[in-house]
Amino acid sequence: MTFVVTDICIKCKYMDCVEVCPVDCFHEGENMLVIDPEECIDCTLCVPECPIDAIFDEEDLPDELVKFTAINAEYAPQWPVIDHKGTPPPDASEWEDVQDKYPEHFDTSPAARGNDE
C-alpha cells in the first residue's frame, strides 16, 4: 500500500507534506508532486498536512482518481526528490477549487528550480 498525490495538487503544489515525510518519498514536477510507491512507508503523516486534500491512501482513492497510482509510480523515478518545502506557485490559491485538472494542466517536466528553495 502507498499514498497517492492526485490532480488536486496540479498548479497548487503547496509542499506542506514534504516537511513531515520521514523517508523523502516526494518527487517534484514542474506543477505538482508525486509519491514514490517504492519509498512510501505508509506513515500517513502527509495526509493531514495537505491543505487541499490532494493525498489519498491508494485503498481509498475515488474511482476517478485511481489512475494517479500509476502516474505517481511513473513520474517519481523521473522527477527529483524534494525534501524541504519550497514556495508554492504565486497563483496556487486560484487553482484550489478547479476540478479535473488532469490531463490539460499536468506538466510532465521535472521541477525547473529543483530543490533549492
PDB file of N, CA and C in Angstrom:
ATOM      1  N   MET A   1       0.846  -1.185   0.000  1.00  0.00           N
ATOM      2  CA  MET A   1       0.000   0.000   0.000  1.00  0.00           C
ATOM      3  C   MET A   1       0.886   1.240   0.000  1.00  0.00           C
ATOM      4  N   THR A   2       0.369   2.301  -0.590  1.00  0.00           N
ATOM      5  CA  THR A   2       1.088   3.567  -0.645  1.00  0.00           C
ATOM      6  C   THR A   2       0.077   4.705  -0.596  1.00  0.00           C
ATOM      7  N   PHE A   3       0.593   5.898  -0.503  1.00  0.00           N
ATOM      8  CA  PHE A   3      -0.246   7.078  -0.608  1.00  0.00           C
ATOM      9  C   PHE A   3      -0.009   7.692  -1.974  1.00  0.00           C
ATOM     10  N   VAL A   4      -1.010   8.418  -2.468  1.00  0.00           N
ATOM     11  CA  VAL A   4      -1.016   8.886  -3.847  1.00  0.00           C
ATOM     12  C   VAL A   4      -1.384  10.363  -3.894  1.00  0.00           C
ATOM     13  N   VAL A   5      -0.600  11.136  -4.629  1.00  0.00           N
ATOM     14  CA  VAL A   5      -0.931  12.538  -4.877  1.00  0.00           C
ATOM     15  C   VAL A   5      -1.790  12.571  -6.141  1.00  0.00           C
ATOM     16  N   THR A   6      -2.884  13.300  -6.087  1.00  0.00           N
ATOM     17  CA  THR A   6      -3.831  13.355  -7.203  1.00  0.00           C
ATOM     18  C   THR A   6      -3.792  14.716  -7.903  1.00  0.00           C
ATOM     19  N   ASP A   7      -4.632  14.863  -8.909  1.00  0.00           N
ATOM     20  CA  ASP A   7      -4.635  16.092  -9.709  1.00  0.00           C
ATOM     21  C   ASP A   7      -5.071  17.322  -8.936  1.00  0.00           C
ATOM     22  N   ILE A   8      -5.553  17.151  -7.735  1.00  0.00           N
ATOM     23  CA  ILE A   8      -5.899  18.297  -6.902  1.00  0.00           C
ATOM     24  C   ILE A   8      -4.642  19.144  -6.648  1.00  0.00           C
ATOM     25  N   CYS A   9      -3.485  18.494  -6.648  1.00  0.00           N
ATOM     26  CA  CYS A   9      -2.199  19.165  -6.417  1.00  0.00           C
ATOM     27  C   CYS A   9      -1.732  19.998  -7.617  1.00  0.00           C
ATOM     28  N   ILE A  10      -2.188  19.654  -8.801  1.00  0.00           N
ATOM     29  CA  ILE A  10      -1.709  20.339 -10.014  1.00  0.00           C
ATOM     30  C   ILE A  10      -1.939  21.844  -9.900  1.00  0.00           C
ATOM     31  N   LYS A  11      -0.874  22.585 -10.111  1.00  0.00           N
ATOM     32  CA  LYS A  11      -0.828  24.051 -10.096  1.00  0.00           C
ATOM     33  C   LYS A  11      -1.026  24.663  -8.702  1.00  0.00           C
ATOM     34  N   CYS A  12      -1.144  23.816  -7.679  1.00  0.00           N
ATOM     35  CA  CYS A  12      -1.202  24.306  -6.293  1.00  0.00           C
ATOM     36  C   CYS A  12       0.147  24.061  -5.621  1.00  0.00           C
ATOM     37  N   LYS A  13       0.552  22.818  -5.568  1.00  0.00           N
ATOM     38  CA  LYS A  13       1.873  22.409  -5.087  1.00  0.00           C
ATOM     39  C   LYS A  13       2.309  23.161  -3.832  1.00  0.00           C
ATOM     40  N   TYR A  14       1.540  23.005  -2.752  1.00  0.00           N
ATOM     41  CA  TYR A  14       1.851  23.707  -1.507  1.00  0.00           C
ATOM     42  C   TYR A  14       3.054  23.134  -0.758  1.00  0.00           C
ATOM     43  N   MET A  15       3.315  21.872  -0.872  1.00  0.00           N
ATOM     44  CA  MET A  15       4.518  21.222  -0.343  1.00  0.00           C
ATOM     45  C   MET A  15       4.580  21.094   1.174  1.00  0.00           C
ATOM     46  N   ASP A  16       3.507  21.342   1.898  1.00  0.00           N
ATOM     47  CA  ASP A  16       3.499  21.147   3.351  1.00  0.00           C
ATOM     48  C   ASP A  16       3.790  19.680   3.690  1.00  0.00           C
ATOM     49  N   CYS A  17       3.342  18.786   2.842  1.00  0.00           N
ATOM     50  CA  CYS A  17       3.507  17.346   3.034  1.00  0.00           C
ATOM     51  C   CYS A  17       4.977  16.935   3.087  1.00  0.00           C
ATOM     52  N   VAL A  18       5.792  17.619   2.343  1.00  0.00           N
ATOM     53  CA  VAL A  18       7.214  17.277   2.239  1.00  0.00           C
ATOM     54  C   VAL A  18       7.923  17.423   3.584  1.00  0.00           C
ATOM     55  N   GLU A  19       7.522  18.408   4.346  1.00  0.00           N
ATOM     56  CA  GLU A  19       8.166  18.707   5.626  1.00  0.00           C
ATOM     57  C   GLU A  19       8.030  17.579   6.646  1.00  0.00           C
ATOM     58  N   VAL A  20       6.979  16.779   6.557  1.00  0.00           N
ATOM     59  CA  VAL A  20       6.737  15.736   7.564  1.00  0.00           C
ATOM     60  C   VAL A  20       7.137  14.339   7.112  1.00  0.00           C
ATOM     61  N   CYS A  21       7.509  14.184   5.869  1.00  0.00           N
ATOM     62  CA  CYS A  21       7.834  12.861   5.340  1.00  0.00           C
ATOM     63  C   CYS A  21       9.164  12.355   5.922  1.00  0.00           C
ATOM     64  N   PRO A  22       9.136  11.224   6.635  1.00  0.00           N
ATOM     65  CA  PRO A  22      10.374  10.732   7.249  1.00  0.00           C
ATOM     66  C   PRO A  22      11.308  10.003   6.284  1.00  0.00           C
ATOM     67  N   VAL A  23      10.843   9.708   5.075  1.00  0.00           N
ATOM     68  CA  VAL A  23      11.674   8.933   4.140  1.00  0.00           C
ATOM     69  C   VAL A  23      11.926   9.635   2.810  1.00  0.00           C
ATOM     70  N   ASP A  24      11.563  10.881   2.688  1.00  0.00           N
ATOM     71  CA  ASP A  24      11.795  11.640   1.451  1.00  0.00           C
ATOM     72  C   ASP A  24      11.254  10.914   0.217  1.00  0.00           C
ATOM     73  N   CYS A  25       9.983  10.555   0.272  1.00  0.00           N
ATOM     74  CA  CYS A  25       9.392   9.836  -0.868  1.00  0.00           C
ATOM     75  C   CYS A  25       8.702  10.763  -1.860  1.00  0.00           C
ATOM     76  N   PHE A  26       8.713  12.074  -1.618  1.00  0.00           N
ATOM     77  CA  PHE A  26       8.088  13.012  -2.551  1.00  0.00           C
ATOM     78  C   PHE A  26       9.062  13.403  -3.652  1.00  0.00           C
ATOM     79  N   HIS A  27       8.522  13.532  -4.847  1.00  0.00           N
ATOM     80  CA  HIS A  27       9.290  13.960  -6.010  1.00  0.00           C
ATOM     81  C   HIS A  27       8.558  15.137  -6.633  1.00  0.00           C
ATOM     82  N   GLU A  28       9.344  16.087  -7.152  1.00  0.00           N
ATOM     83  CA  GLU A  28       8.767  17.339  -7.609  1.00  0.00           C
ATOM     84  C   GLU A  28       8.774  17.496  -9.118  1.00  0.00           C
ATOM     85  N   GLY A  29       7.561  17.666  -9.637  1.00  0.00           N
ATOM     86  CA  GLY A  29       7.392  18.033 -11.032  1.00  0.00           C
ATOM     87  C   GLY A  29       7.230  19.534 -11.130  1.00  0.00           C
ATOM     88  N   GLU A  30       7.148  20.029 -12.328  1.00  0.00           N
ATOM     89  CA  GLU A  30       7.035  21.473 -12.521  1.00  0.00           C
ATOM     90  C   GLU A  30       5.790  22.042 -11.851  1.00  0.00           C
ATOM     91  N   ASN A  31       4.672  21.300 -11.884  1.00  0.00           N
ATOM     92  CA  ASN A  31       3.478  21.880 -11.281  1.00  0.00           C
ATOM     93  C   ASN A  31       2.713  20.960 -10.325  1.00  0.00           C
ATOM     94  N   MET A  32       3.333  19.869  -9.885  1.00  0.00           N
ATOM     95  CA  MET A  32       2.738  19.022  -8.849  1.00  0.00           C
ATOM     96  C   MET A  32       3.799  18.124  -8.236  1.00  0.00           C
ATOM     97  N   LEU A  33       3.443  17.452  -7.171  1.00  0.00           N
ATOM     98  CA  LEU A  33       4.303  16.475  -6.522  1.00  0.00           C
ATOM     99  C   LEU A  33       3.742  15.084  -6.762  1.00  0.00           C
ATOM    100  N   VAL A  34       4.592  14.076  -6.637  1.00  0.00           N
ATOM    101  CA  VAL A  34       4.153  12.683  -6.642  1.00  0.00           C
ATOM    102  C   VAL A  34       4.872  11.961  -5.507  1.00  0.00           C
ATOM    103  N   ILE A  35       4.326  10.814  -5.129  1.00  0.00           N
ATOM    104  CA  ILE A  35       4.922   9.974  -4.084  1.00  0.00           C
ATOM    105  C   ILE A  35       5.481   8.725  -4.740  1.00  0.00           C
ATOM    106  N   ASP A  36       6.715   8.395  -4.387  1.00  0.00           N
ATOM    107  CA  ASP A  36       7.332   7.168  -4.886  1.00  0.00           C
ATOM    108  C   ASP A  36       6.756   5.994  -4.089  1.00  0.00           C
ATOM    109  N   PRO A  37       6.001   5.112  -4.755  1.00  0.00           N
ATOM    110  CA  PRO A  37       5.386   3.999  -4.026  1.00  0.00           C
ATOM    111  C   PRO A  37       6.402   3.005  -3.465  1.00  0.00           C
ATOM    112  N   GLU A  38       7.608   3.011  -4.013  1.00  0.00           N
ATOM    113  CA  GLU A  38       8.649   2.119  -3.514  1.00  0.00           C
ATOM    114  C   GLU A  38       9.290   2.651  -2.229  1.00  0.00           C
ATOM    115  N   GLU A  39       9.186   3.938  -2.002  1.00  0.00           N
ATOM    116  CA  GLU A  39       9.786   4.565  -0.824  1.00  0.00           C
ATOM    117  C   GLU A  39       8.778   4.846   0.291  1.00  0.00           C
ATOM    118  N   CYS A  40       7.525   5.041  -0.066  1.00  0.00           N
ATOM    119  CA  CYS A  40       6.490   5.381   0.918  1.00  0.00           C
ATOM    120  C   CYS A  40       6.361   4.263   1.957  1.00  0.00           C
ATOM    121  N   ILE A  41       6.357   4.652   3.234  1.00  0.00           N
ATOM    122  CA  ILE A  41       6.238   3.663   4.309  1.00  0.00           C
ATOM    123  C   ILE A  41       4.843   3.688   4.945  1.00  0.00           C
ATOM    124  N   ASP A  42       3.898   4.311   4.295  1.00  0.00           N
ATOM    125  CA  ASP A  42       2.505   4.333   4.746  1.00  0.00           C
ATOM    126  C   ASP A  42       2.333   4.923   6.143  1.00  0.00           C
ATOM    127  N   CYS A  43       3.094   5.948   6.450  1.00  0.00           N
ATOM    128  CA  CYS A  43       3.055   6.521   7.792  1.00  0.00           C
ATOM    129  C   CYS A  43       1.846   7.428   8.024  1.00  0.00           C
ATOM    130  N   THR A  44       1.205   7.889   6.971  1.00  0.00           N
ATOM    131  CA  THR A  44       0.028   8.767   6.990  1.00  0.00           C
ATOM    132  C   THR A  44       0.313  10.213   7.390  1.00  0.00           C
ATOM    133  N   LEU A  45       1.549  10.566   7.700  1.00  0.00           N
ATOM    134  CA  LEU A  45       1.849  11.916   8.173  1.00  0.00           C
ATOM    135  C   LEU A  45       1.538  13.003   7.142  1.00  0.00           C
ATOM    136  N   CYS A  46       1.686  12.691   5.869  1.00  0.00           N
ATOM    137  CA  CYS A  46       1.494  13.692   4.827  1.00  0.00           C
ATOM    138  C   CYS A  46       0.031  14.069   4.606  1.00  0.00           C
ATOM    139  N   VAL A  47      -0.863  13.135   4.841  1.00  0.00           N
ATOM    140  CA  VAL A  47      -2.277  13.357   4.510  1.00  0.00           C
ATOM    141  C   VAL A  47      -2.860  14.577   5.215  1.00  0.00           C
ATOM    142  N   PRO A  48      -2.767  14.696   6.528  1.00  0.00           N
ATOM    143  CA  PRO A  48      -3.368  15.873   7.174  1.00  0.00           C
ATOM    144  C   PRO A  48      -2.619  17.174   6.903  1.00  0.00           C
ATOM    145  N   GLU A  49      -1.386  17.082   6.426  1.00  0.00           N
ATOM    146  CA  GLU A  49      -0.610  18.287   6.149  1.00  0.00           C
ATOM    147  C   GLU A  49      -1.021  18.976   4.854  1.00  0.00           C
ATOM    148  N   CYS A  50      -1.623  18.238   3.940  1.00  0.00           N
ATOM    149  CA  CYS A  50      -2.009  18.827   2.652  1.00  0.00           C
ATOM    150  C   CYS A  50      -3.225  19.736   2.849  1.00  0.00           C
ATOM    151  N   PRO A  51      -3.069  21.043   2.618  1.00  0.00           N
ATOM    152  CA  PRO A  51      -4.164  21.980   2.868  1.00  0.00           C
ATOM    153  C   PRO A  51      -5.330  21.855   1.889  1.00  0.00           C
ATOM    154  N   ILE A  52      -5.135  21.106   0.801  1.00  0.00           N
ATOM    155  CA  ILE A  52      -6.213  20.980  -0.184  1.00  0.00           C
ATOM    156  C   ILE A  52      -6.658  19.529  -0.381  1.00  0.00           C
ATOM    157  N   ASP A  53      -6.225  18.646   0.515  1.00  0.00           N
ATOM    158  CA  ASP A  53      -6.647  17.242   0.491  1.00  0.00           C
ATOM    159  C   ASP A  53      -6.373  16.550  -0.841  1.00  0.00           C
ATOM    160  N   ALA A  54      -5.143  16.697  -1.309  1.00  0.00           N
ATOM    161  CA  ALA A  54      -4.748  16.105  -2.594  1.00  0.00           C
ATOM    162  C   ALA A  54      -4.135  14.720  -2.452  1.00  0.00           C
ATOM    163  N   ILE A  55      -3.910  14.259  -1.216  1.00  0.00           N
ATOM    164  CA  ILE A  55      -3.223  12.985  -0.984  1.00  0.00           C
ATOM    165  C   ILE A  55      -4.202  11.969  -0.401  1.00  0.00           C
ATOM    166  N   PHE A  56      -4.200  10.778  -1.002  1.00  0.00           N
ATOM    167  CA  PHE A  56      -5.100   9.709  -0.581  1.00  0.00           C
ATOM    168  C   PHE A  56      -4.327   8.419  -0.340  1.00  0.00           C
ATOM    169  N   ASP A  57      -4.823   7.624   0.569  1.00  0.00           N
ATOM    170  CA  ASP A  57      -4.384   6.240   0.686  1.00  0.00           C
ATOM    171  C   ASP A  57      -4.853   5.556  -0.598  1.00  0.00           C
ATOM    172  N   GLU A  58      -4.017   4.778  -1.244  1.00  0.00           N
ATOM    173  CA  GLU A  58      -4.418   4.177  -2.511  1.00  0.00           C
ATOM    174  C   GLU A  58      -5.667   3.310  -2.366  1.00  0.00           C
ATOM    175  N   GLU A  59      -5.898   2.780  -1.175  1.00  0.00           N
ATOM    176  CA  GLU A  59      -7.091   1.958  -0.924  1.00  0.00           C
ATOM    177  C   GLU A  59      -8.361   2.807  -0.903  1.00  0.00           C
ATOM    178  N   ASP A  60      -8.227   4.103  -0.661  1.00  0.00           N
ATOM    179  CA  ASP A  60      -9.378   4.998  -0.535  1.00  0.00           C
ATOM    180  C   ASP A  60      -9.571   5.931  -1.719  1.00  0.00           C
ATOM    181  N   LEU A  61      -8.822   5.716  -2.780  1.00  0.00           N
ATOM    182  CA  LEU A  61      -8.944   6.593  -3.943  1.00  0.00           C
ATOM    183  C   LEU A  61     -10.326   6.481  -4.576  1.00  0.00           C
ATOM    184  N   PRO A  62     -10.971   7.610  -4.836  1.00  0.00           N
ATOM    185  CA  PRO A  62     -12.217   7.555  -5.604  1.00  0.00           C
ATOM    186  C   PRO A  62     -11.913   6.976  -6.995  1.00  0.00           C
ATOM    187  N   ASP A  63     -12.872   6.315  -7.583  1.00  0.00           N
ATOM    188  CA  ASP A  63     -12.668   5.651  -8.881  1.00  0.00           C
ATOM    189  C   ASP A  63     -12.040   6.557  -9.931  1.00  0.00           C
ATOM    190  N   GLU A  64     -12.471   7.808  -9.969  1.00  0.00           N
ATOM    191  CA  GLU A  64     -11.964   8.726 -10.995  1.00  0.00           C
ATOM    192  C   GLU A  64     -10.513   9.135 -10.757  1.00  0.00           C
ATOM    193  N   LEU A  65      -9.960   8.827  -9.581  1.00  0.00           N
ATOM    194  CA  LEU A  65      -8.580   9.196  -9.273  1.00  0.00           C
ATOM    195  C   LEU A  65      -7.621   8.008  -9.222  1.00  0.00           C
ATOM    196  N   VAL A  66      -8.106   6.817  -9.443  1.00  0.00           N
ATOM    197  CA  VAL A  66      -7.263   5.614  -9.388  1.00  0.00           C
ATOM    198  C   VAL A  66      -6.086   5.704 -10.347  1.00  0.00           C
ATOM    199  N   LYS A  67      -6.258   6.356 -11.476  1.00  0.00           N
ATOM    200  CA  LYS A  67      -5.174   6.488 -12.469  1.00  0.00           C
ATOM    201  C   LYS A  67      -3.928   7.167 -11.891  1.00  0.00           C
ATOM    202  N   PHE A  68      -4.083   7.918 -10.795  1.00  0.00           N
ATOM    203  CA  PHE A  68      -2.933   8.616 -10.216  1.00  0.00           C
ATOM    204  C   PHE A  68      -1.973   7.690  -9.489  1.00  0.00           C
ATOM    205  N   THR A  69      -2.390   6.480  -9.189  1.00  0.00           N
ATOM    206  CA  THR A  69      -1.461   5.496  -8.634  1.00  0.00           C
ATOM    207  C   THR A  69      -0.362   5.230  -9.656  1.00  0.00           C
ATOM    208  N   ALA A  70      -0.744   5.004 -10.896  1.00  0.00           N
ATOM    209  CA  ALA A  70       0.227   4.761 -11.967  1.00  0.00           C
ATOM    210  C   ALA A  70       1.010   6.017 -12.319  1.00  0.00           C
ATOM    211  N   ILE A  71       0.367   7.168 -12.273  1.00  0.00           N
ATOM    212  CA  ILE A  71       1.051   8.432 -12.590  1.00  0.00           C
ATOM    213  C   ILE A  71       2.139   8.710 -11.549  1.00  0.00           C
ATOM    214  N   ASN A  72       1.844   8.503 -10.273  1.00  0.00           N
ATOM    215  CA  ASN A  72       2.854   8.684  -9.227  1.00  0.00           C
ATOM    216  C   ASN A  72       4.016   7.729  -9.455  1.00  0.00           C
ATOM    217  N   ALA A  73       3.715   6.467  -9.741  1.00  0.00           N
ATOM    218  CA  ALA A  73       4.765   5.467  -9.952  1.00  0.00           C
ATOM    219  C   ALA A  73       5.607   5.782 -11.188  1.00  0.00           C
ATOM    220  N   GLU A  74       4.993   6.326 -12.216  1.00  0.00           N
ATOM    221  CA  GLU A  74       5.720   6.644 -13.449  1.00  0.00           C
ATOM    222  C   GLU A  74       6.655   7.838 -13.281  1.00  0.00           C
ATOM    223  N   TYR A  75       6.181   8.899 -12.634  1.00  0.00           N
ATOM    224  CA  TYR A  75       6.970  10.131 -12.585  1.00  0.00           C
ATOM    225  C   TYR A  75       7.934  10.220 -11.406  1.00  0.00           C
ATOM    226  N   ALA A  76       7.712   9.470 -10.339  1.00  0.00           N
ATOM    227  CA  ALA A  76       8.635   9.517  -9.194  1.00  0.00           C
ATOM    228  C   ALA A  76      10.082   9.246  -9.612  1.00  0.00           C
ATOM    229  N   PRO A  77      10.350   8.230 -10.439  1.00  0.00           N
ATOM    230  CA  PRO A  77      11.746   7.996 -10.824  1.00  0.00           C
ATOM    231  C   PRO A  77      12.318   9.064 -11.772  1.00  0.00           C
ATOM    232  N   GLN A  78      11.441   9.825 -12.419  1.00  0.00           N
ATOM    233  CA  GLN A  78      11.883  10.819 -13.399  1.00  0.00           C
ATOM    234  C   GLN A  78      12.097  12.205 -12.780  1.00  0.00           C
ATOM    235  N   TRP A  79      11.440  12.473 -11.670  1.00  0.00           N
ATOM    236  CA  TRP A  79      11.497  13.791 -11.049  1.00  0.00           C
ATOM    237  C   TRP A  79      12.407  13.769  -9.828  1.00  0.00           C
ATOM    238  N   PRO A  80      13.017  14.910  -9.483  1.00  0.00           N
ATOM    239  CA  PRO A  80      13.928  14.948  -8.332  1.00  0.00           C
ATOM    240  C   PRO A  80      13.191  14.807  -6.997  1.00  0.00           C
ATOM    241  N   VAL A  81      13.882  14.229  -6.040  1.00  0.00           N
ATOM    242  CA  VAL A  81      13.363  14.147  -4.675  1.00  0.00           C
ATOM    243  C   VAL A  81      13.287  15.564  -4.124  1.00  0.00           C
ATOM    244  N   ILE A  82      12.234  15.835  -3.394  1.00  0.00           N
ATOM    245  CA  ILE A  82      12.111  17.106  -2.697  1.00  0.00           C
ATOM    246  C   ILE A  82      12.035  16.790  -1.213  1.00  0.00           C
ATOM    247  N   ASP A  83      12.914  17.415  -0.427  1.00  0.00           N
ATOM    248  CA  ASP A  83      12.957  17.097   0.993  1.00  0.00           C
ATOM    249  C   ASP A  83      12.728  18.299   1.900  1.00  0.00           C
ATOM    250  N   HIS A  84      12.394  19.433   1.304  1.00  0.00           N
ATOM    251  CA  HIS A  84      12.002  20.587   2.110  1.00  0.00           C
ATOM    252  C   HIS A  84      11.006  21.426   1.319  1.00  0.00           C
ATOM    253  N   LYS A  85      10.197  22.138   2.047  1.00  0.00           N
ATOM    254  CA  LYS A  85       9.139  22.931   1.436  1.00  0.00           C
ATOM    255  C   LYS A  85       9.715  24.108   0.669  1.00  0.00           C
ATOM    256  N   GLY A  86       9.241  24.266  -0.548  1.00  0.00           N
ATOM    257  CA  GLY A  86       9.602  25.423  -1.354  1.00  0.00           C
ATOM    258  C   GLY A  86       8.447  26.410  -1.371  1.00  0.00           C
ATOM    259  N   THR A  87       8.508  27.344  -2.267  1.00  0.00           N
ATOM    260  CA  THR A  87       7.463  28.349  -2.404  1.00  0.00           C
ATOM    261  C   THR A  87       6.429  27.871  -3.408  1.00  0.00           C
ATOM    262  N   PRO A  88       5.156  27.830  -3.014  1.00  0.00           N
ATOM    263  CA  PRO A  88       4.119  27.415  -3.961  1.00  0.00           C
ATOM    264  C   PRO A  88       4.001  28.419  -5.114  1.00  0.00           C
ATOM    265  N   PRO A  89       3.392  28.011  -6.205  1.00  0.00           N
ATOM    266  CA  PRO A  89       3.185  28.956  -7.307  1.00  0.00           C
ATOM    267  C   PRO A  89       2.400  30.183  -6.823  1.00  0.00           C
ATOM    268  N   PRO A  90       2.686  31.354  -7.373  1.00  0.00           N
ATOM    269  CA  PRO A  90       2.016  32.575  -6.906  1.00  0.00           C
ATOM    270  C   PRO A  90       0.499  32.562  -7.102  1.00  0.00           C
ATOM    271  N   ASP A  91       0.017  31.778  -8.067  1.00  0.00           N
ATOM    272  CA  ASP A  91      -1.426  31.718  -8.318  1.00  0.00           C
ATOM    273  C   ASP A  91      -2.057  30.435  -7.769  1.00  0.00           C
ATOM    274  N   ALA A  92      -1.386  29.763  -6.838  1.00  0.00           N
ATOM    275  CA  ALA A  92      -1.866  28.479  -6.313  1.00  0.00           C
ATOM    276  C   ALA A  92      -3.297  28.554  -5.791  1.00  0.00           C
ATOM    277  N   SER A  93      -3.614  29.586  -5.055  1.00  0.00           N
ATOM    278  CA  SER A  93      -4.956  29.677  -4.464  1.00  0.00           C
ATOM    279  C   SER A  93      -6.056  29.757  -5.528  1.00  0.00           C
ATOM    280  N   GLU A  94      -5.718  30.260  -6.691  1.00  0.00           N
ATOM    281  CA  GLU A  94      -6.694  30.344  -7.780  1.00  0.00           C
ATOM    282  C   GLU A  94      -7.042  28.970  -8.349  1.00  0.00           C
ATOM    283  N   TRP A  95      -6.180  27.981  -8.128  1.00  0.00           N
ATOM    284  CA  TRP A  95      -6.366  26.634  -8.667  1.00  0.00           C
ATOM    285  C   TRP A  95      -6.950  25.646  -7.669  1.00  0.00           C
ATOM    286  N   GLU A  96      -7.078  26.033  -6.413  1.00  0.00           N
ATOM    287  CA  GLU A  96      -7.512  25.115  -5.367  1.00  0.00           C
ATOM    288  C   GLU A  96      -8.838  24.423  -5.662  1.00  0.00           C
ATOM    289  N   ASP A  97      -9.796  25.146  -6.158  1.00  0.00           N
ATOM    290  CA  ASP A  97     -11.131  24.578  -6.381  1.00  0.00           C
ATOM    291  C   ASP A  97     -11.400  24.162  -7.824  1.00  0.00           C
ATOM    292  N   VAL A  98     -10.388  24.241  -8.668  1.00  0.00           N
ATOM    293  CA  VAL A  98     -10.554  23.818 -10.058  1.00  0.00           C
ATOM    294  C   VAL A  98     -10.610  22.292 -10.095  1.00  0.00           C
ATOM    295  N   GLN A  99     -11.601  21.760 -10.754  1.00  0.00           N
ATOM    296  CA  GLN A  99     -11.789  20.319 -10.859  1.00  0.00           C
ATOM    297  C   GLN A  99     -11.173  19.785 -12.154  1.00  0.00           C
ATOM    298  N   ASP A 100     -10.834  18.510 -12.142  1.00  0.00           N
ATOM    299  CA  ASP A 100     -10.386  17.802 -13.349  1.00  0.00           C
ATOM    300  C   ASP A 100      -9.238  18.525 -14.067  1.00  0.00           C
ATOM    301  N   LYS A 101      -8.169  18.775 -13.366  1.00  0.00           N
ATOM    302  CA  LYS A 101      -7.015  19.480 -13.941  1.00  0.00           C
ATOM    303  C   LYS A 101      -6.170  18.573 -14.833  1.00  0.00           C
ATOM    304  N   TYR A 102      -6.337  17.277 -14.678  1.00  0.00           N
ATOM    305  CA  TYR A 102      -5.575  16.308 -15.480  1.00  0.00           C
ATOM    306  C   TYR A 102      -6.432  15.883 -16.663  1.00  0.00           C
ATOM    307  N   PRO A 103      -5.892  15.787 -17.847  1.00  0.00           N
ATOM    308  CA  PRO A 103      -4.506  15.974 -18.252  1.00  0.00           C
ATOM    309  C   PRO A 103      -4.169  17.384 -18.740  1.00  0.00           C
ATOM    310  N   GLU A 104      -5.177  18.212 -18.921  1.00  0.00           N
ATOM    311  CA  GLU A 104      -4.963  19.512 -19.551  1.00  0.00           C
ATOM    312  C   GLU A 104      -3.879  20.365 -18.884  1.00  0.00           C
ATOM    313  N   HIS A 105      -3.836  20.385 -17.576  1.00  0.00           N
ATOM    314  CA  HIS A 105      -2.906  21.269 -16.878  1.00  0.00           C
ATOM    315  C   HIS A 105      -1.705  20.548 -16.268  1.00  0.00           C
ATOM    316  N   PHE A 106      -1.579  19.266 -16.541  1.00  0.00           N
ATOM    317  CA  PHE A 106      -0.483  18.468 -15.999  1.00  0.00           C
ATOM    318  C   PHE A 106       0.777  18.671 -16.823  1.00  0.00           C
ATOM    319  N   ASP A 107       1.865  19.020 -16.145  1.00  0.00           N
ATOM    320  CA  ASP A 107       3.154  19.222 -16.802  1.00  0.00           C
ATOM    321  C   ASP A 107       4.053  18.041 -16.434  1.00  0.00           C
ATOM    322  N   THR A 108       4.519  17.313 -17.420  1.00  0.00           N
ATOM    323  CA  THR A 108       5.345  16.130 -17.179  1.00  0.00           C
ATOM    324  C   THR A 108       6.806  16.465 -16.870  1.00  0.00           C
ATOM    325  N   SER A 109       7.161  17.726 -16.945  1.00  0.00           N
ATOM    326  CA  SER A 109       8.549  18.147 -16.715  1.00  0.00           C
ATOM    327  C   SER A 109       8.920  18.063 -15.242  1.00  0.00           C
ATOM    328  N   PRO A 110      10.182  17.709 -14.964  1.00  0.00           N
ATOM    329  CA  PRO A 110      10.645  17.810 -13.584  1.00  0.00           C
ATOM    330  C   PRO A 110      10.707  19.286 -13.180  1.00  0.00           C
ATOM    331  N   ALA A 111      10.711  19.546 -11.898  1.00  0.00           N
ATOM    332  CA  ALA A 111      10.762  20.921 -11.422  1.00  0.00           C
ATOM    333  C   ALA A 111      11.999  21.622 -11.970  1.00  0.00           C
ATOM    334  N   ALA A 112      11.820  22.794 -12.530  1.00  0.00           N
ATOM    335  CA  ALA A 112      12.920  23.553 -13.119  1.00  0.00           C
ATOM    336  C   ALA A 112      13.850  24.105 -12.055  1.00  0.00           C
ATOM    337  N   ARG A 113      13.308  24.459 -10.905  1.00  0.00           N
ATOM    338  CA  ARG A 113      14.120  25.067  -9.859  1.00  0.00           C
ATOM    339  C   ARG A 113      14.789  24.028  -8.983  1.00  0.00           C
ATOM    340  N   GLY A 114      14.402  22.787  -9.138  1.00  0.00           N
ATOM    341  CA  GLY A 114      14.971  21.735  -8.301  1.00  0.00           C
ATOM    342  C   GLY A 114      14.525  21.894  -6.863  1.00  0.00           C
ATOM    343  N   ASN A 115      15.367  21.541  -5.962  1.00  0.00           N
ATOM    344  CA  ASN A 115      15.023  21.543  -4.545  1.00  0.00           C
ATOM    345  C   ASN A 115      15.833  22.601  -3.798  1.00  0.00           C
ATOM    346  N   ASP A 116      16.035  23.735  -4.430  1.00  0.00           N
ATOM    347  CA  ASP A 116      16.960  24.725  -3.865  1.00  0.00           C
ATOM    348  C   ASP A 116      16.293  25.861  -3.090  1.00  0.00           C
ATOM    349  N   GLU A 117      15.000  25.896  -3.011  1.00  0.00           N
ATOM    350  CA  GLU A 117      14.352  26.998  -2.276  1.00  0.00           C
ATOM    351  C   GLU A 117      14.270  26.701  -0.817  1.00  0.00           C
TER     352      GLU A 117
END
